[in-house]
């Protein structure tokens, strides 16, 4: 994959979510977007937000796209499908996104927090 548009080519709703998240992140400052086989990552000094398609890994996903946020603390919200701690200084928060409207003020605040923490 060379671009987010190619990554999300068969998932128009996920592409709209990507465009919304990208706009939110770009409001915060400079950001690098990296596309791999499995995800689209937003980075500063390190990655802080990732969009991926759960259908690549799960049979019947309940959302077309997941936004994963890397934070240095756990956010107590029932909106997250899963929160894991892959390292002592990182909490990964997985948010199922079913519509662009899910990227609301609360998610924007979490993106800003993750952006600041990435350096």
C-alpha atoms as a PDB file:
ATOM      1  CA  UNK A   1       0.000   0.000   0.000  1.00  0.00           C
ATOM      2  CA  UNK A   2       1.254   3.423  -0.796  1.00  0.00           C
ATOM      3  CA  UNK A   3      -1.574   5.661   0.323  1.00  0.00           C
ATOM      4  CA  UNK A   4      -4.459   5.722   2.812  1.00  0.00           C
ATOM      5  CA  UNK A   5      -6.835   6.003  -0.154  1.00  0.00           C
ATOM      6  CA  UNK A   6      -5.524   2.674  -1.483  1.00  0.00           C
ATOM      7  CA  UNK A   7      -5.650   1.080   1.964  1.00  0.00           C
ATOM      8  CA  UNK A   8      -9.314   2.026   2.385  1.00  0.00           C
ATOM      9  CA  UNK A   9     -10.240   1.642  -1.318  1.00  0.00           C
ATOM     10  CA  UNK A  10     -12.890  -1.013  -0.692  1.00  0.00           C
ATOM     11  CA  UNK A  11     -14.137   0.628   2.518  1.00  0.00           C
ATOM     12  CA  UNK A  12     -15.633   4.064   1.720  1.00  0.00           C
ATOM     13  CA  UNK A  13     -16.996   4.584   5.254  1.00  0.00           C
ATOM     14  CA  UNK A  14     -13.562   3.833   6.719  1.00  0.00           C
ATOM     15  CA  UNK A  15     -11.991   6.267   4.236  1.00  0.00           C
ATOM     16  CA  UNK A  16     -14.337   9.012   5.468  1.00  0.00           C
ATOM     17  CA  UNK A  17     -13.331   8.195   9.058  1.00  0.00           C
ATOM     18  CA  UNK A  18      -9.664   8.425   8.041  1.00  0.00           C
ATOM     19  CA  UNK A  19     -10.241  11.821   6.404  1.00  0.00           C
ATOM     20  CA  UNK A  20     -12.003  13.083   9.541  1.00  0.00           C
ATOM     21  CA  UNK A  21      -9.269  11.807  11.880  1.00  0.00           C
ATOM     22  CA  UNK A  22      -6.555  13.232   9.603  1.00  0.00           C
ATOM     23  CA  UNK A  23      -8.222  16.656   9.640  1.00  0.00           C
ATOM     24  CA  UNK A  24      -8.482  16.566  13.449  1.00  0.00           C
ATOM     25  CA  UNK A  25      -4.823  15.583  13.823  1.00  0.00           C
ATOM     26  CA  UNK A  26      -3.557  18.119  11.287  1.00  0.00           C
ATOM     27  CA  UNK A  27      -5.272  20.878  13.289  1.00  0.00           C
ATOM     28  CA  UNK A  28      -2.884  19.968  16.131  1.00  0.00           C
ATOM     29  CA  UNK A  29       0.319  20.392  14.140  1.00  0.00           C
ATOM     30  CA  UNK A  30       2.704  18.489  11.890  1.00  0.00           C
ATOM     31  CA  UNK A  31       2.081  14.789  11.541  1.00  0.00           C
ATOM     32  CA  UNK A  32       3.446  11.955   9.435  1.00  0.00           C
ATOM     33  CA  UNK A  33       1.060   9.365   7.970  1.00  0.00           C
ATOM     34  CA  UNK A  34       2.460   5.885   7.374  1.00  0.00           C
ATOM     35  CA  UNK A  35       0.606   3.122   5.594  1.00  0.00           C
ATOM     36  CA  UNK A  36       1.448  -0.541   6.130  1.00  0.00           C
ATOM     37  CA  UNK A  37      -0.296  -3.727   5.086  1.00  0.00           C
ATOM     38  CA  UNK A  38      -2.309  -3.728   8.293  1.00  0.00           C
ATOM     39  CA  UNK A  39      -2.935  -0.087   9.268  1.00  0.00           C
ATOM     40  CA  UNK A  40      -2.630   3.634   8.708  1.00  0.00           C
ATOM     41  CA  UNK A  41      -0.509   5.219  11.436  1.00  0.00           C
ATOM     42  CA  UNK A  42      -0.286   8.843  12.547  1.00  0.00           C
ATOM     43  CA  UNK A  43       3.149   9.695  13.937  1.00  0.00           C
ATOM     44  CA  UNK A  44       5.185  12.431  15.458  1.00  0.00           C
ATOM     45  CA  UNK A  45       8.367  11.235  17.115  1.00  0.00           C
ATOM     46  CA  UNK A  46       6.430   7.991  17.627  1.00  0.00           C
ATOM     47  CA  UNK A  47       3.069   6.618  16.626  1.00  0.00           C
ATOM     48  CA  UNK A  48       0.036   7.816  18.549  1.00  0.00           C
ATOM     49  CA  UNK A  49      -3.074   6.948  16.493  1.00  0.00           C
ATOM     50  CA  UNK A  50      -3.787   4.014  14.208  1.00  0.00           C
ATOM     51  CA  UNK A  51      -6.714   3.157  11.946  1.00  0.00           C
ATOM     52  CA  UNK A  52      -7.174  -0.466  10.946  1.00  0.00           C
ATOM     53  CA  UNK A  53      -9.799  -2.729   9.458  1.00  0.00           C
ATOM     54  CA  UNK A  54     -10.904  -5.422  11.912  1.00  0.00           C
ATOM     55  CA  UNK A  55     -12.343  -7.413   9.001  1.00  0.00           C
ATOM     56  CA  UNK A  56      -8.750  -8.274   8.049  1.00  0.00           C
ATOM     57  CA  UNK A  57      -8.463 -10.237  11.299  1.00  0.00           C
ATOM     58  CA  UNK A  58     -11.992 -11.062  12.503  1.00  0.00           C
ATOM     59  CA  UNK A  59     -14.814 -12.962  10.842  1.00  0.00           C
ATOM     60  CA  UNK A  60     -17.740 -10.766  11.823  1.00  0.00           C
ATOM     61  CA  UNK A  61     -16.445  -7.433  13.068  1.00  0.00           C
ATOM     62  CA  UNK A  62     -18.952  -5.121  14.706  1.00  0.00           C
ATOM     63  CA  UNK A  63     -17.360  -2.032  13.102  1.00  0.00           C
ATOM     64  CA  UNK A  64     -15.697  -1.402   9.759  1.00  0.00           C
ATOM     65  CA  UNK A  65     -12.758   0.505  11.234  1.00  0.00           C
ATOM     66  CA  UNK A  66     -11.011   0.754  14.608  1.00  0.00           C
ATOM     67  CA  UNK A  67      -9.137   3.788  15.923  1.00  0.00           C
ATOM     68  CA  UNK A  68      -6.369   2.806  18.338  1.00  0.00           C
ATOM     69  CA  UNK A  69      -4.845   5.518  20.516  1.00  0.00           C
ATOM     70  CA  UNK A  70      -1.526   5.222  22.355  1.00  0.00           C
ATOM     71  CA  UNK A  71      -1.636   7.135  25.637  1.00  0.00           C
ATOM     72  CA  UNK A  72       0.597   7.208  28.710  1.00  0.00           C
ATOM     73  CA  UNK A  73      -2.405   6.613  30.975  1.00  0.00           C
ATOM     74  CA  UNK A  74      -5.606   4.622  30.972  1.00  0.00           C
ATOM     75  CA  UNK A  75      -8.744   6.520  29.992  1.00  0.00           C
ATOM     76  CA  UNK A  76     -11.781   5.228  31.900  1.00  0.00           C
ATOM     77  CA  UNK A  77     -14.452   5.211  29.217  1.00  0.00           C
ATOM     78  CA  UNK A  78     -16.942   2.556  28.241  1.00  0.00           C
ATOM     79  CA  UNK A  79     -16.624   3.706  24.621  1.00  0.00           C
ATOM     80  CA  UNK A  80     -13.434   1.694  24.208  1.00  0.00           C
ATOM     81  CA  UNK A  81     -13.875  -1.864  22.997  1.00  0.00           C
ATOM     82  CA  UNK A  82     -10.583  -2.832  24.631  1.00  0.00           C
ATOM     83  CA  UNK A  83      -7.747  -1.202  26.547  1.00  0.00           C
ATOM     84  CA  UNK A  84      -4.408  -2.992  26.833  1.00  0.00           C
ATOM     85  CA  UNK A  85      -1.036  -2.085  28.288  1.00  0.00           C
ATOM     86  CA  UNK A  86       1.631  -3.344  25.859  1.00  0.00           C
ATOM     87  CA  UNK A  87       4.432  -1.637  27.805  1.00  0.00           C
ATOM     88  CA  UNK A  88       4.848   0.055  31.188  1.00  0.00           C
ATOM     89  CA  UNK A  89       4.426   3.523  29.653  1.00  0.00           C
ATOM     90  CA  UNK A  90       1.776   2.855  27.011  1.00  0.00           C
ATOM     91  CA  UNK A  91      -1.934   2.168  27.221  1.00  0.00           C
ATOM     92  CA  UNK A  92      -3.498   1.251  23.879  1.00  0.00           C
ATOM     93  CA  UNK A  93      -7.183   2.202  23.626  1.00  0.00           C
ATOM     94  CA  UNK A  94      -9.233   0.555  20.843  1.00  0.00           C
ATOM     95  CA  UNK A  95     -12.340   2.416  19.706  1.00  0.00           C
ATOM     96  CA  UNK A  96     -14.728   0.849  17.211  1.00  0.00           C
ATOM     97  CA  UNK A  97     -15.876   3.532  14.781  1.00  0.00           C
ATOM     98  CA  UNK A  98     -19.203   2.855  13.136  1.00  0.00           C
ATOM     99  CA  UNK A  99     -19.775   6.329  11.638  1.00  0.00           C
ATOM    100  CA  UNK A 100     -17.908   9.580  11.098  1.00  0.00           C
ATOM    101  CA  UNK A 101     -20.109  11.099  13.814  1.00  0.00           C
ATOM    102  CA  UNK A 102     -18.310   8.834  16.331  1.00  0.00           C
ATOM    103  CA  UNK A 103     -15.305  11.162  15.925  1.00  0.00           C
ATOM    104  CA  UNK A 104     -16.774  13.714  18.306  1.00  0.00           C
ATOM    105  CA  UNK A 105     -15.333  16.272  20.744  1.00  0.00           C
ATOM    106  CA  UNK A 106     -14.367  13.547  23.232  1.00  0.00           C
ATOM    107  CA  UNK A 107     -12.436  11.580  20.600  1.00  0.00           C
ATOM    108  CA  UNK A 108     -10.809  14.825  19.418  1.00  0.00           C
ATOM    109  CA  UNK A 109      -9.623  15.455  22.985  1.00  0.00           C
ATOM    110  CA  UNK A 110      -8.184  11.922  23.200  1.00  0.00           C
ATOM    111  CA  UNK A 111      -6.431  12.450  19.839  1.00  0.00           C
ATOM    112  CA  UNK A 112      -4.936  15.712  21.133  1.00  0.00           C
ATOM    113  CA  UNK A 113      -3.723  13.963  24.292  1.00  0.00           C
ATOM    114  CA  UNK A 114      -2.130  11.166  22.242  1.00  0.00           C
ATOM    115  CA  UNK A 115      -0.595  13.718  19.851  1.00  0.00           C
ATOM    116  CA  UNK A 116       1.031  15.655  22.737  1.00  0.00           C
ATOM    117  CA  UNK A 117       2.379  12.448  24.245  1.00  0.00           C
ATOM    118  CA  UNK A 118       4.031  11.371  20.990  1.00  0.00           C
ATOM    119  CA  UNK A 119       6.346  14.223  21.014  1.00  0.00           C
END
